Amino acid sequence: MTKKYFTYILLTEHNTYYCGYTDNIDKRFKEHVSGKGAKYTKANKPLKIVYTKEFSSKSDAMKEEYRIKHLTKEEKIQLINNY
């Protein structure tokens, strides 16, 4: 079985977005909610996952994360709405 990787976007309680990558979406979301996922989500509690995209390599997931992190908020909203 080949390992899968995901790029994801979380909506936070302050109506901001957090983007990351992982090989286990459910586990990673629980880490963010518990305050152990990332410095940003410790201060901005995540409400839900609003976007995911699957990749067959970690490198591709990381490239997509990098691309999304450089989008404007409006571009992120458009990406989420088209999801």
N, C-alpha and C. Protein backbone atom coordinates (compact mmCIF):
# COMPACT_ATOMS: atom_id res chain seq x y z
N MET A 1 0.85 -1.19 0.00
CA MET A 1 0.00 0.00 0.00
C MET A 1 0.89 1.25 0.00
N THR A 2 0.61 2.15 -0.91
CA THR A 2 1.39 3.38 -0.97
C THR A 2 0.87 4.39 0.03
N LYS A 3 1.78 5.11 0.61
CA LYS A 3 1.42 6.12 1.59
C LYS A 3 0.83 7.34 0.88
N LYS A 4 -0.16 7.94 1.50
CA LYS A 4 -0.79 9.13 0.93
C LYS A 4 -0.47 10.34 1.81
N TYR A 5 -0.37 11.46 1.18
CA TYR A 5 -0.11 12.72 1.87
C TYR A 5 -1.21 13.70 1.49
N PHE A 6 -1.45 14.65 2.38
CA PHE A 6 -2.54 15.60 2.17
C PHE A 6 -2.07 17.00 2.49
N THR A 7 -2.54 17.94 1.69
CA THR A 7 -2.45 19.35 2.03
C THR A 7 -3.84 19.73 2.50
N TYR A 8 -3.92 20.52 3.56
CA TYR A 8 -5.23 20.86 4.12
C TYR A 8 -5.27 22.32 4.54
N ILE A 9 -6.48 22.84 4.63
CA ILE A 9 -6.71 24.19 5.14
C ILE A 9 -7.73 24.09 6.26
N LEU A 10 -7.42 24.72 7.38
CA LEU A 10 -8.33 24.78 8.53
C LEU A 10 -8.91 26.19 8.63
N LEU A 11 -10.17 26.26 9.02
CA LEU A 11 -10.80 27.53 9.39
C LEU A 11 -10.67 27.67 10.90
N THR A 12 -10.22 28.83 11.37
CA THR A 12 -10.04 29.04 12.80
C THR A 12 -11.18 29.89 13.38
N GLU A 13 -11.23 29.92 14.71
CA GLU A 13 -12.27 30.68 15.41
C GLU A 13 -12.20 32.18 15.12
N HIS A 14 -11.07 32.67 14.66
CA HIS A 14 -10.92 34.09 14.33
C HIS A 14 -11.13 34.36 12.85
N ASN A 15 -11.75 33.38 12.16
CA ASN A 15 -12.06 33.50 10.73
C ASN A 15 -10.79 33.68 9.90
N THR A 16 -9.73 32.98 10.30
CA THR A 16 -8.50 32.95 9.53
C THR A 16 -8.29 31.52 9.05
N TYR A 17 -7.30 31.34 8.19
CA TYR A 17 -7.02 30.02 7.64
C TYR A 17 -5.62 29.58 8.00
N TYR A 18 -5.49 28.30 8.24
CA TYR A 18 -4.18 27.70 8.47
C TYR A 18 -3.99 26.57 7.47
N CYS A 19 -2.85 26.54 6.82
CA CYS A 19 -2.56 25.51 5.82
C CYS A 19 -1.40 24.66 6.29
N GLY A 20 -1.51 23.36 6.04
CA GLY A 20 -0.43 22.45 6.40
C GLY A 20 -0.49 21.20 5.54
N TYR A 21 0.40 20.26 5.85
CA TYR A 21 0.38 18.97 5.15
C TYR A 21 0.57 17.87 6.19
N THR A 22 0.11 16.68 5.85
CA THR A 22 0.19 15.55 6.78
C THR A 22 0.00 14.25 6.02
N ASP A 23 0.24 13.15 6.72
CA ASP A 23 -0.08 11.84 6.14
C ASP A 23 -1.28 11.22 6.88
N ASN A 24 -1.83 11.98 7.85
CA ASN A 24 -3.00 11.50 8.61
C ASN A 24 -3.85 12.69 9.02
N ILE A 25 -4.86 12.99 8.23
CA ILE A 25 -5.70 14.18 8.44
C ILE A 25 -6.37 14.18 9.82
N ASP A 26 -7.02 13.08 10.18
CA ASP A 26 -7.76 13.03 11.45
C ASP A 26 -6.84 13.24 12.65
N LYS A 27 -5.72 12.56 12.65
CA LYS A 27 -4.76 12.69 13.75
C LYS A 27 -4.24 14.12 13.83
N ARG A 28 -3.90 14.68 12.68
CA ARG A 28 -3.34 16.04 12.66
C ARG A 28 -4.36 17.07 13.13
N PHE A 29 -5.62 16.92 12.72
CA PHE A 29 -6.66 17.85 13.15
C PHE A 29 -6.81 17.79 14.67
N LYS A 30 -6.81 16.59 15.23
CA LYS A 30 -6.91 16.43 16.69
C LYS A 30 -5.74 17.09 17.41
N GLU A 31 -4.56 17.00 16.82
CA GLU A 31 -3.39 17.67 17.39
C GLU A 31 -3.59 19.18 17.40
N HIS A 32 -4.10 19.73 16.29
CA HIS A 32 -4.36 21.17 16.23
C HIS A 32 -5.39 21.58 17.27
N VAL A 33 -6.48 20.83 17.38
CA VAL A 33 -7.55 21.17 18.33
C VAL A 33 -7.04 21.12 19.77
N SER A 34 -6.16 20.18 20.06
CA SER A 34 -5.63 20.03 21.43
C SER A 34 -4.57 21.07 21.75
N GLY A 35 -4.15 21.87 20.76
CA GLY A 35 -3.14 22.90 20.99
C GLY A 35 -1.73 22.41 20.76
N LYS A 36 -1.57 21.19 20.26
CA LYS A 36 -0.24 20.62 20.04
C LYS A 36 0.15 20.57 18.57
N GLY A 37 -0.69 21.08 17.68
CA GLY A 37 -0.42 20.95 16.25
C GLY A 37 0.56 21.95 15.69
N ALA A 38 0.40 23.20 16.07
CA ALA A 38 1.27 24.26 15.56
C ALA A 38 1.09 25.50 16.44
N LYS A 39 2.09 26.34 16.46
CA LYS A 39 2.03 27.56 17.26
C LYS A 39 0.81 28.41 16.86
N TYR A 40 0.57 28.50 15.55
CA TYR A 40 -0.54 29.33 15.06
C TYR A 40 -1.89 28.81 15.55
N THR A 41 -2.09 27.50 15.47
CA THR A 41 -3.40 26.95 15.87
C THR A 41 -3.54 26.84 17.39
N LYS A 42 -2.46 27.01 18.10
CA LYS A 42 -2.56 27.08 19.57
C LYS A 42 -3.23 28.40 19.96
N ALA A 43 -2.91 29.46 19.21
CA ALA A 43 -3.46 30.79 19.47
C ALA A 43 -4.77 31.03 18.71
N ASN A 44 -5.00 30.28 17.64
CA ASN A 44 -6.19 30.44 16.79
C ASN A 44 -6.85 29.07 16.65
N LYS A 45 -7.76 28.77 17.57
CA LYS A 45 -8.34 27.44 17.62
C LYS A 45 -9.04 27.06 16.31
N PRO A 46 -8.67 25.91 15.75
CA PRO A 46 -9.31 25.47 14.52
C PRO A 46 -10.73 24.98 14.76
N LEU A 47 -11.63 25.34 13.83
CA LEU A 47 -13.02 24.92 13.93
C LEU A 47 -13.30 23.71 13.06
N LYS A 48 -12.78 23.74 11.83
CA LYS A 48 -13.04 22.63 10.92
C LYS A 48 -12.05 22.64 9.76
N ILE A 49 -11.96 21.49 9.12
CA ILE A 49 -11.16 21.35 7.90
C ILE A 49 -12.05 21.81 6.74
N VAL A 50 -11.56 22.77 5.97
CA VAL A 50 -12.37 23.30 4.87
C VAL A 50 -11.84 22.92 3.49
N TYR A 51 -10.66 22.29 3.47
CA TYR A 51 -10.06 21.91 2.17
C TYR A 51 -9.04 20.81 2.40
N THR A 52 -9.06 19.80 1.54
CA THR A 52 -8.00 18.79 1.53
C THR A 52 -7.70 18.41 0.08
N LYS A 53 -6.46 18.08 -0.16
CA LYS A 53 -6.06 17.57 -1.47
C LYS A 53 -5.05 16.46 -1.23
N GLU A 54 -5.24 15.35 -1.91
CA GLU A 54 -4.42 14.17 -1.72
C GLU A 54 -3.27 14.11 -2.72
N PHE A 55 -2.11 13.62 -2.24
CA PHE A 55 -0.93 13.47 -3.07
C PHE A 55 -0.28 12.12 -2.80
N SER A 56 0.47 11.64 -3.77
CA SER A 56 1.17 10.37 -3.60
C SER A 56 2.58 10.56 -3.05
N SER A 57 3.04 11.81 -2.96
CA SER A 57 4.37 12.06 -2.39
C SER A 57 4.32 13.22 -1.40
N LYS A 58 5.18 13.13 -0.41
CA LYS A 58 5.31 14.19 0.59
C LYS A 58 5.76 15.49 -0.08
N SER A 59 6.66 15.36 -1.03
CA SER A 59 7.18 16.52 -1.74
C SER A 59 6.07 17.29 -2.44
N ASP A 60 5.17 16.59 -3.12
CA ASP A 60 4.07 17.26 -3.81
C ASP A 60 3.12 17.95 -2.83
N ALA A 61 2.86 17.30 -1.70
CA ALA A 61 1.99 17.90 -0.68
C ALA A 61 2.63 19.17 -0.11
N MET A 62 3.93 19.12 0.10
CA MET A 62 4.65 20.28 0.62
C MET A 62 4.68 21.43 -0.39
N LYS A 63 4.81 21.10 -1.65
CA LYS A 63 4.79 22.13 -2.70
C LYS A 63 3.43 22.82 -2.75
N GLU A 64 2.37 22.04 -2.61
CA GLU A 64 1.02 22.62 -2.62
C GLU A 64 0.80 23.48 -1.38
N GLU A 65 1.29 23.03 -0.23
CA GLU A 65 1.20 23.84 0.99
C GLU A 65 1.90 25.18 0.77
N TYR A 66 3.09 25.15 0.22
CA TYR A 66 3.85 26.37 -0.05
C TYR A 66 3.07 27.29 -0.98
N ARG A 67 2.50 26.72 -2.03
CA ARG A 67 1.73 27.53 -2.99
C ARG A 67 0.53 28.19 -2.30
N ILE A 68 -0.21 27.42 -1.52
CA ILE A 68 -1.40 27.95 -0.85
C ILE A 68 -1.03 29.03 0.16
N LYS A 69 0.06 28.83 0.89
CA LYS A 69 0.46 29.82 1.89
C LYS A 69 0.81 31.17 1.26
N HIS A 70 1.09 31.19 -0.02
CA HIS A 70 1.41 32.45 -0.70
C HIS A 70 0.21 33.06 -1.42
N LEU A 71 -0.96 32.46 -1.28
CA LEU A 71 -2.18 33.03 -1.84
C LEU A 71 -2.70 34.11 -0.91
N THR A 72 -3.45 35.05 -1.47
CA THR A 72 -4.15 36.03 -0.63
C THR A 72 -5.33 35.33 0.05
N LYS A 73 -5.89 35.97 1.04
CA LYS A 73 -7.06 35.38 1.71
C LYS A 73 -8.20 35.18 0.71
N GLU A 74 -8.39 36.13 -0.18
CA GLU A 74 -9.44 36.03 -1.18
C GLU A 74 -9.20 34.82 -2.10
N GLU A 75 -7.95 34.61 -2.49
CA GLU A 75 -7.62 33.46 -3.34
C GLU A 75 -7.85 32.14 -2.60
N LYS A 76 -7.54 32.13 -1.29
CA LYS A 76 -7.79 30.93 -0.48
C LYS A 76 -9.30 30.65 -0.40
N ILE A 77 -10.09 31.69 -0.21
CA ILE A 77 -11.55 31.53 -0.15
C ILE A 77 -12.06 30.99 -1.46
N GLN A 78 -11.55 31.49 -2.58
CA GLN A 78 -11.96 31.01 -3.90
C GLN A 78 -11.58 29.53 -4.06
N LEU A 79 -10.39 29.15 -3.63
CA LEU A 79 -9.95 27.75 -3.70
C LEU A 79 -10.88 26.86 -2.87
N ILE A 80 -11.23 27.30 -1.68
CA ILE A 80 -12.12 26.54 -0.80
C ILE A 80 -13.52 26.43 -1.41
N ASN A 81 -14.03 27.53 -1.95
CA ASN A 81 -15.37 27.53 -2.55
C ASN A 81 -15.46 26.63 -3.77
N ASN A 82 -14.35 26.46 -4.49
CA ASN A 82 -14.33 25.60 -5.68
C ASN A 82 -14.02 24.15 -5.33
N TYR A 83 -13.81 23.87 -4.07
CA TYR A 83 -13.44 22.53 -3.60
C TYR A 83 -14.59 21.59 -3.60
